[in-house]
Amino acid sequence: MKSLFAIAIVAVAAATAARADDSPTAAADDLVPRYFLAMVHAPEVHAELELSEAQIADLENVFQSVDSTWFQSRLLPADQQNKIIDQTELPVRKWFADNTSAKQQQRLKQLECYSQGVRMLLTDEMATQLDIDRGQQTKLIALAKTCRDLEQRLQKAVAAKQPTDDLTEKLQKAVAAEREGYKLVLKPQQIQKLGQVLGEPFDTGQLKRTYPMAPEFVAVEHWLNSPPLQIRELKGKVVLVHFYAFQCHNCHANFAHYQRWHRELRDKGVVVVGIQTPETSRERDPKAVRAAAVDRQLEFPILVDLGSQNWRAWGNTMWPTVYVVDKQGYIRHWWQGELNWQGATGDKTIEDLVEQLLQEG
């Protein structure tokens, strides 16, 4: 007999292939957060599901096959990103269907609902379980769309450096209205059934590791200050990967931090890796890259990414960018631009996180 989780996978695949359903929840599909992949990367979720060490190791093999696609999708507009995430989730959902018990699968579904918050009520599955009618669906969708529209307007205002106080206040009120609105839309018996469906409360806000595994370094001809390195060989160490171009002025502003991290933190188990990806024709000359590294006294390992393969593998978009990779090989944070731009304290943010990661088992 197929498990409910396996049936859910078939439903996801069908929904991804074609959105022919004209129900309100199908129309609101893009309003439902895609937090499944982020959630199942978290050790706290592994513990809640009581996954064994062998299960976790096997699950990580699946992550290695999908995480690069998932990470690169962050660059796309939301609608395109959702389609890719839906497809990328499928092998992971299948793994859970094939390798976990019915009890674990049921709890995982509950945790996914908690991660979606009130938006879980927009899914066809929840509508069926709670017998939510079309009129109720329409009201719930309207609350969600109001929040989404205000979020988009606020993002545009921030990008245009326009005043945002009024939009911020409106968004806060809309979020509160959506969070509490379901109590006015659902009937008492539906709210009671919702509690039964969700099971024991679980705070997804506590999850600390919700990003993908770091992409593996793509092999290149030239490395400076080090033999070729691989992310998987650096497990057990915290790795600070930064993309730079030696003629980039903003990159120069970060060099002192990289050098200090390399000198002061390497004995604590931190590895700094620079990826020189060319922006200008001169930066495509490996001799010029080496000369610039010597001139700037860059002593850390440097991958000379002449063909930009690593830039693409990481889905990088700007110079400079710093990625923090934990001891298990997962991305935990990234910072774009100068670390101290206009009073920013990106260096302190990264250093504090590094100290935390060094203490993790």
Protein backbone atom coordinates (compact mmCIF):
# COMPACT_ATOMS: atom_id res chain seq x y z
CA MET A 1 0.00 0.00 0.00
CA LYS A 2 1.31 3.44 -0.87
CA SER A 3 2.04 5.71 2.08
CA LEU A 4 0.33 9.08 2.33
CA PHE A 5 3.72 10.67 1.79
CA ALA A 6 4.23 8.77 -1.46
CA ILE A 7 0.78 9.84 -2.62
CA ALA A 8 1.71 13.43 -1.79
CA ILE A 9 4.78 13.16 -4.03
CA VAL A 10 2.62 12.11 -6.95
CA ALA A 11 0.37 15.09 -6.25
CA VAL A 12 3.31 17.49 -6.21
CA ALA A 13 4.63 16.10 -9.48
CA ALA A 14 1.26 16.41 -11.14
CA ALA A 15 0.81 19.95 -9.90
CA THR A 16 4.25 20.90 -11.18
CA ALA A 17 3.63 19.45 -14.63
CA ALA A 18 0.38 21.31 -15.16
CA ARG A 19 -1.81 23.70 -13.18
CA ALA A 20 -5.07 22.78 -14.86
CA ASP A 21 -7.12 22.85 -11.64
CA ASP A 22 -9.31 25.96 -11.49
CA SER A 23 -9.84 25.78 -7.71
CA PRO A 24 -8.90 28.86 -5.66
CA THR A 25 -6.06 26.98 -3.94
CA ALA A 26 -4.53 26.01 -7.28
CA ALA A 27 -4.67 29.66 -8.33
CA ALA A 28 -2.91 30.60 -5.07
CA ASP A 29 -0.12 28.06 -5.44
CA ASP A 30 2.63 30.70 -5.63
CA LEU A 31 1.46 32.16 -2.32
CA VAL A 32 2.43 28.98 -0.43
CA PRO A 33 6.03 29.18 0.86
CA ARG A 34 8.47 26.53 -0.39
CA TYR A 35 10.24 25.72 2.90
CA PHE A 36 10.44 21.94 2.58
CA LEU A 37 14.06 21.79 1.39
CA ALA A 38 15.23 24.34 3.94
CA MET A 39 13.46 22.45 6.70
CA VAL A 40 14.82 18.98 5.96
CA HIS A 41 18.41 20.32 5.96
CA ALA A 42 18.09 21.24 9.64
CA PRO A 43 19.55 18.93 12.32
CA GLU A 44 16.69 19.92 14.62
CA VAL A 45 14.26 18.37 12.13
CA HIS A 46 16.41 15.25 11.83
CA ALA A 47 16.24 14.93 15.63
CA GLU A 48 12.48 15.53 15.72
CA LEU A 49 12.00 12.78 13.13
CA GLU A 50 14.45 10.52 15.00
CA LEU A 51 16.45 9.87 11.84
CA SER A 52 19.34 7.48 12.37
CA GLU A 53 22.91 8.39 11.47
CA ALA A 54 22.68 6.03 8.51
CA GLN A 55 19.48 7.71 7.32
CA ILE A 56 21.05 11.15 7.61
CA ALA A 57 24.15 10.06 5.68
CA ASP A 58 21.96 8.59 2.93
CA LEU A 59 19.79 11.72 2.84
CA GLU A 60 22.90 13.87 2.41
CA ASN A 61 23.75 11.91 -0.73
CA VAL A 62 20.43 13.15 -2.14
CA PHE A 63 21.25 16.70 -1.06
CA GLN A 64 24.49 16.54 -3.01
CA SER A 65 22.54 15.84 -6.19
CA VAL A 66 19.96 18.63 -5.81
CA ASP A 67 21.41 21.40 -3.67
CA SER A 68 23.32 23.20 -6.41
CA THR A 69 20.14 23.59 -8.47
CA TRP A 70 18.21 24.71 -5.41
CA PHE A 71 20.84 27.29 -4.45
CA GLN A 72 21.11 28.74 -7.94
CA SER A 73 17.31 29.13 -8.13
CA ARG A 74 17.51 31.93 -5.54
CA LEU A 75 18.46 34.28 -8.39
CA LEU A 76 15.18 33.79 -10.26
CA PRO A 77 11.84 35.61 -9.98
CA ALA A 78 9.52 33.96 -7.46
CA ASP A 79 7.27 32.22 -9.99
CA GLN A 80 10.22 30.67 -11.85
CA GLN A 81 11.95 29.82 -8.61
CA ASN A 82 8.90 27.99 -7.30
CA LYS A 83 8.73 25.78 -10.39
CA ILE A 84 12.38 24.77 -10.02
CA ILE A 85 12.01 24.16 -6.30
CA ASP A 86 8.94 21.98 -6.90
CA GLN A 87 10.99 19.81 -9.26
CA THR A 88 14.07 19.82 -7.02
CA GLU A 89 12.02 18.69 -4.02
CA LEU A 90 10.82 15.53 -5.73
CA PRO A 91 13.92 13.31 -5.19
CA VAL A 92 14.06 14.40 -1.55
CA ARG A 93 10.37 13.70 -0.98
CA LYS A 94 10.81 10.33 -2.69
CA TRP A 95 13.71 9.51 -0.38
CA PHE A 96 11.52 10.14 2.66
CA ALA A 97 8.72 8.04 1.14
CA ASP A 98 11.10 5.14 0.48
CA ASN A 99 13.34 5.29 3.55
CA THR A 100 11.27 6.41 6.54
CA SER A 101 8.39 4.99 8.54
CA ALA A 102 4.78 6.08 8.28
CA LYS A 103 5.15 7.79 11.67
CA GLN A 104 8.18 9.76 10.50
CA GLN A 105 6.43 10.74 7.28
CA GLN A 106 3.36 11.94 9.14
CA ARG A 107 5.46 14.06 11.49
CA LEU A 108 7.44 15.51 8.57
CA LYS A 109 4.19 16.59 6.92
CA GLN A 110 3.17 18.29 10.17
CA LEU A 111 6.51 20.09 10.38
CA GLU A 112 6.14 21.30 6.81
CA CYS A 113 2.74 22.75 7.71
CA TYR A 114 4.26 24.55 10.69
CA SER A 115 6.94 25.98 8.39
CA GLN A 116 4.27 27.37 6.04
CA GLY A 117 2.37 29.06 8.84
CA VAL A 118 -1.19 30.12 8.06
CA ARG A 119 -0.43 29.74 4.33
CA MET A 120 -0.73 25.97 4.78
CA LEU A 121 -4.48 26.56 4.59
CA LEU A 122 -4.08 27.53 0.91
CA THR A 123 -3.03 24.03 -0.13
CA ASP A 124 -5.52 21.62 -1.72
CA GLU A 125 -4.47 18.95 0.75
CA MET A 126 -5.36 21.05 3.78
CA ALA A 127 -8.56 22.28 2.13
CA THR A 128 -9.61 18.66 1.71
CA GLN A 129 -8.68 17.62 5.24
CA LEU A 130 -10.52 20.51 6.88
CA ASP A 131 -13.36 20.66 4.34
CA ILE A 132 -12.63 24.32 3.57
CA ASP A 133 -15.20 25.60 1.08
CA ARG A 134 -14.55 27.90 -1.87
CA GLY A 135 -15.82 30.97 -0.08
CA GLN A 136 -13.43 30.39 2.80
CA GLN A 137 -10.58 29.73 0.38
CA THR A 138 -11.24 33.02 -1.38
CA LYS A 139 -11.07 34.95 1.90
CA LEU A 140 -7.82 33.27 2.96
CA ILE A 141 -6.26 33.94 -0.44
CA ALA A 142 -7.26 37.61 -0.27
CA LEU A 143 -5.46 38.00 3.06
CA ALA A 144 -2.32 36.37 1.62
CA LYS A 145 -2.38 38.44 -1.57
CA THR A 146 -2.63 41.66 0.42
CA CYS A 147 0.57 40.73 2.25
CA ARG A 148 2.34 39.70 -0.93
CA ASP A 149 1.40 42.87 -2.78
CA LEU A 150 2.62 45.05 0.09
CA GLU A 151 5.85 43.07 0.28
CA GLN A 152 6.46 43.67 -3.41
CA ARG A 153 5.71 47.37 -3.11
CA LEU A 154 8.04 47.66 -0.14
CA GLN A 155 10.84 45.89 -2.01
CA LYS A 156 10.46 48.28 -4.94
CA ALA A 157 10.49 51.28 -2.62
CA VAL A 158 13.66 50.08 -0.92
CA ALA A 159 15.34 49.48 -4.29
CA ALA A 160 14.33 52.97 -5.43
CA LYS A 161 15.47 54.47 -2.09
CA GLN A 162 12.00 55.88 -1.50
CA PRO A 163 10.35 56.39 1.93
CA THR A 164 9.17 53.08 3.37
CA ASP A 165 7.68 53.89 6.79
CA ASP A 166 4.08 53.93 5.57
CA LEU A 167 4.44 50.70 3.58
CA THR A 168 6.23 48.99 6.47
CA GLU A 169 3.38 49.87 8.83
CA LYS A 170 0.76 48.67 6.36
CA LEU A 171 2.62 45.41 5.84
CA GLN A 172 2.91 44.77 9.56
CA LYS A 173 -0.85 45.24 9.93
CA ALA A 174 -1.55 42.98 6.95
CA VAL A 175 0.69 40.24 8.33
CA ALA A 176 -1.08 40.43 11.68
CA ALA A 177 -4.45 40.34 9.94
CA GLU A 178 -3.48 37.23 7.97
CA ARG A 179 -2.01 35.53 11.04
CA GLU A 180 -5.24 35.97 13.00
CA GLY A 181 -7.68 36.06 10.10
CA TYR A 182 -8.07 32.31 9.74
CA LYS A 183 -9.84 32.26 13.13
CA LEU A 184 -12.57 34.45 11.63
CA VAL A 185 -12.76 32.48 8.38
CA LEU A 186 -12.74 28.89 9.65
CA LYS A 187 -15.52 27.32 11.66
CA PRO A 188 -14.80 26.19 15.26
CA GLN A 189 -14.87 22.53 14.26
CA GLN A 190 -12.39 23.21 11.45
CA ILE A 191 -10.01 24.94 13.85
CA GLN A 192 -10.31 21.99 16.22
CA LYS A 193 -9.56 19.57 13.37
CA LEU A 194 -6.56 21.72 12.38
CA GLY A 195 -5.02 21.21 15.81
CA GLN A 196 -5.46 17.45 15.46
CA VAL A 197 -3.89 17.46 11.99
CA LEU A 198 -0.85 19.46 13.10
CA GLY A 199 0.01 17.40 16.18
CA GLU A 200 2.55 18.64 18.73
CA PRO A 201 3.66 22.28 18.17
CA PHE A 202 7.07 22.76 16.57
CA ASP A 203 8.87 26.09 16.29
CA THR A 204 10.52 26.21 12.86
CA GLY A 205 12.00 29.57 13.85
CA GLN A 206 14.57 27.66 15.92
CA LEU A 207 16.15 26.04 12.86
CA LYS A 208 19.74 27.18 12.39
CA ARG A 209 20.86 25.34 9.25
CA THR A 210 18.44 25.92 6.38
CA TYR A 211 20.72 26.55 3.38
CA PRO A 212 22.11 24.01 0.88
CA MET A 213 25.37 22.15 0.92
CA ALA A 214 28.14 24.30 -0.54
CA PRO A 215 28.82 23.60 -4.23
CA GLU A 216 31.98 21.64 -4.84
CA PHE A 217 34.88 23.57 -6.33
CA VAL A 218 35.04 23.04 -10.09
CA ALA A 219 38.50 21.81 -11.11
CA VAL A 220 40.71 24.49 -12.68
CA GLU A 221 44.27 24.65 -13.98
CA HIS A 222 45.63 27.19 -11.53
CA TRP A 223 45.63 27.42 -7.73
CA LEU A 224 47.80 29.85 -5.78
CA ASN A 225 49.27 29.32 -2.30
CA SER A 226 47.85 25.80 -2.12
CA PRO A 227 47.35 22.55 -3.99
CA PRO A 228 43.79 22.16 -5.32
CA LEU A 229 41.21 21.93 -2.53
CA GLN A 230 37.76 20.36 -2.40
CA ILE A 231 34.89 21.25 -0.10
CA ARG A 232 34.34 17.62 0.91
CA GLU A 233 37.99 17.33 1.97
CA LEU A 234 37.60 20.38 4.23
CA LYS A 235 34.84 18.85 6.38
CA GLY A 236 35.58 19.45 10.03
CA LYS A 237 36.73 22.99 9.28
CA VAL A 238 34.81 26.23 8.84
CA VAL A 239 35.45 27.52 5.32
CA LEU A 240 35.21 31.16 4.25
CA VAL A 241 34.86 31.29 0.46
CA HIS A 242 35.05 34.71 -1.16
CA PHE A 243 34.77 35.76 -4.79
CA TYR A 244 36.95 38.65 -5.88
CA ALA A 245 38.54 40.31 -8.90
CA PHE A 246 41.95 41.89 -8.29
CA GLN A 247 41.06 45.11 -10.16
CA CYS A 248 37.80 45.52 -8.24
CA HIS A 249 38.00 48.47 -5.84
CA ASN A 250 35.26 47.10 -3.58
CA CYS A 251 37.18 43.83 -3.33
CA HIS A 252 40.30 45.71 -2.18
CA ALA A 253 38.30 47.04 0.78
CA ASN A 254 37.79 43.47 2.02
CA PHE A 255 41.34 42.15 1.51
CA ALA A 256 42.57 43.14 4.97
CA HIS A 257 39.75 41.15 6.57
CA TYR A 258 40.52 38.06 4.48
CA GLN A 259 44.20 38.27 5.38
CA ARG A 260 43.41 38.71 9.08
CA TRP A 261 41.02 35.75 9.07
CA HIS A 262 43.65 33.59 7.38
CA ARG A 263 46.37 34.52 9.82
CA GLU A 264 44.36 34.56 13.05
CA LEU A 265 41.77 31.84 12.54
CA ARG A 266 43.52 29.07 10.61
CA ASP A 267 44.90 27.49 13.79
CA LYS A 268 41.34 27.37 15.15
CA GLY A 269 40.13 25.33 12.17
CA VAL A 270 39.13 28.02 9.67
CA VAL A 271 40.14 27.91 6.00
CA VAL A 272 39.91 31.03 3.83
CA VAL A 273 39.60 30.34 0.09
CA GLY A 274 39.61 33.10 -2.50
CA ILE A 275 38.05 32.56 -5.93
CA GLN A 276 39.46 35.04 -8.43
CA THR A 277 36.85 35.30 -11.18
CA PRO A 278 37.77 37.76 -13.95
CA GLU A 279 35.81 40.88 -14.71
CA THR A 280 38.38 42.47 -17.05
CA SER A 281 40.62 41.07 -19.77
CA ARG A 282 43.74 41.53 -17.62
CA GLU A 283 42.19 39.44 -14.88
CA ARG A 284 42.06 36.55 -17.36
CA ASP A 285 45.85 36.34 -17.30
CA PRO A 286 46.96 33.86 -14.59
CA LYS A 287 50.35 35.60 -14.34
CA ALA A 288 48.62 38.91 -13.62
CA VAL A 289 46.43 37.21 -11.02
CA ARG A 290 49.51 35.80 -9.31
CA ALA A 291 51.35 39.13 -9.44
CA ALA A 292 48.37 40.93 -7.92
CA ALA A 293 48.14 38.35 -5.12
CA VAL A 294 51.81 38.82 -4.31
CA ASP A 295 51.49 42.61 -4.45
CA ARG A 296 48.52 42.54 -2.06
CA GLN A 297 50.20 39.91 0.14
CA LEU A 298 47.27 37.51 -0.21
CA GLU A 299 48.53 34.36 1.51
CA PHE A 300 45.37 32.23 1.60
CA PRO A 301 44.54 29.57 -1.05
CA ILE A 302 43.27 31.11 -4.28
CA LEU A 303 41.35 29.30 -7.01
CA VAL A 304 41.95 31.05 -10.35
CA ASP A 305 38.52 30.81 -11.99
CA LEU A 306 39.45 31.95 -15.50
CA GLY A 307 36.42 30.35 -17.15
CA SER A 308 33.98 31.48 -14.41
CA GLN A 309 32.91 27.87 -13.85
CA ASN A 310 32.94 28.29 -10.09
CA TRP A 311 31.14 31.62 -10.32
CA ARG A 312 28.30 29.83 -12.13
CA ALA A 313 28.38 26.78 -9.84
CA TRP A 314 27.82 29.00 -6.82
CA GLY A 315 25.27 31.16 -8.60
CA ASN A 316 27.36 34.18 -7.66
CA THR A 317 26.26 37.61 -8.84
CA MET A 318 28.73 40.22 -7.62
CA TRP A 319 32.26 41.02 -6.50
CA PRO A 320 32.96 40.74 -3.63
CA THR A 321 30.81 38.07 -1.97
CA VAL A 322 31.75 36.00 1.08
CA TYR A 323 30.17 32.63 1.90
CA VAL A 324 30.41 30.95 5.31
CA VAL A 325 30.47 27.13 5.13
CA ASP A 326 30.12 25.10 8.32
CA LYS A 327 32.10 22.04 9.38
CA GLN A 328 29.61 19.71 7.71
CA GLY A 329 29.88 21.50 4.36
CA TYR A 330 26.63 23.52 4.52
CA ILE A 331 26.31 27.19 3.63
CA ARG A 332 25.25 29.13 6.70
CA HIS A 333 25.50 32.76 5.60
CA TRP A 334 26.71 34.99 2.79
CA TRP A 335 27.56 38.67 2.53
CA GLN A 336 27.56 40.65 -0.70
CA GLY A 337 29.68 43.77 -1.13
CA GLU A 338 32.14 45.52 1.15
CA LEU A 339 32.06 44.22 4.68
CA ASN A 340 32.19 47.71 6.17
CA TRP A 341 30.26 49.64 3.51
CA GLN A 342 28.77 52.81 5.00
CA GLY A 343 29.22 51.65 8.57
CA ALA A 344 28.20 48.02 8.02
CA THR A 345 29.75 45.42 10.31
CA GLY A 346 29.80 42.42 7.99
CA ASP A 347 33.20 41.36 9.33
CA LYS A 348 31.85 41.19 12.89
CA THR A 349 28.74 39.31 11.74
CA ILE A 350 30.88 36.69 10.02
CA GLU A 351 33.40 36.44 12.86
CA ASP A 352 30.65 35.91 15.44
CA LEU A 353 29.08 33.21 13.29
CA VAL A 354 32.45 31.52 12.79
CA GLU A 355 32.92 31.32 16.55
CA GLN A 356 29.51 29.68 16.88
CA LEU A 357 30.24 27.20 14.09
CA LEU A 358 33.57 26.23 15.58
CA GLN A 359 31.69 25.15 18.72
CA GLU A 360 29.24 22.97 16.79
CA GLY A 361 29.77 19.23 16.84
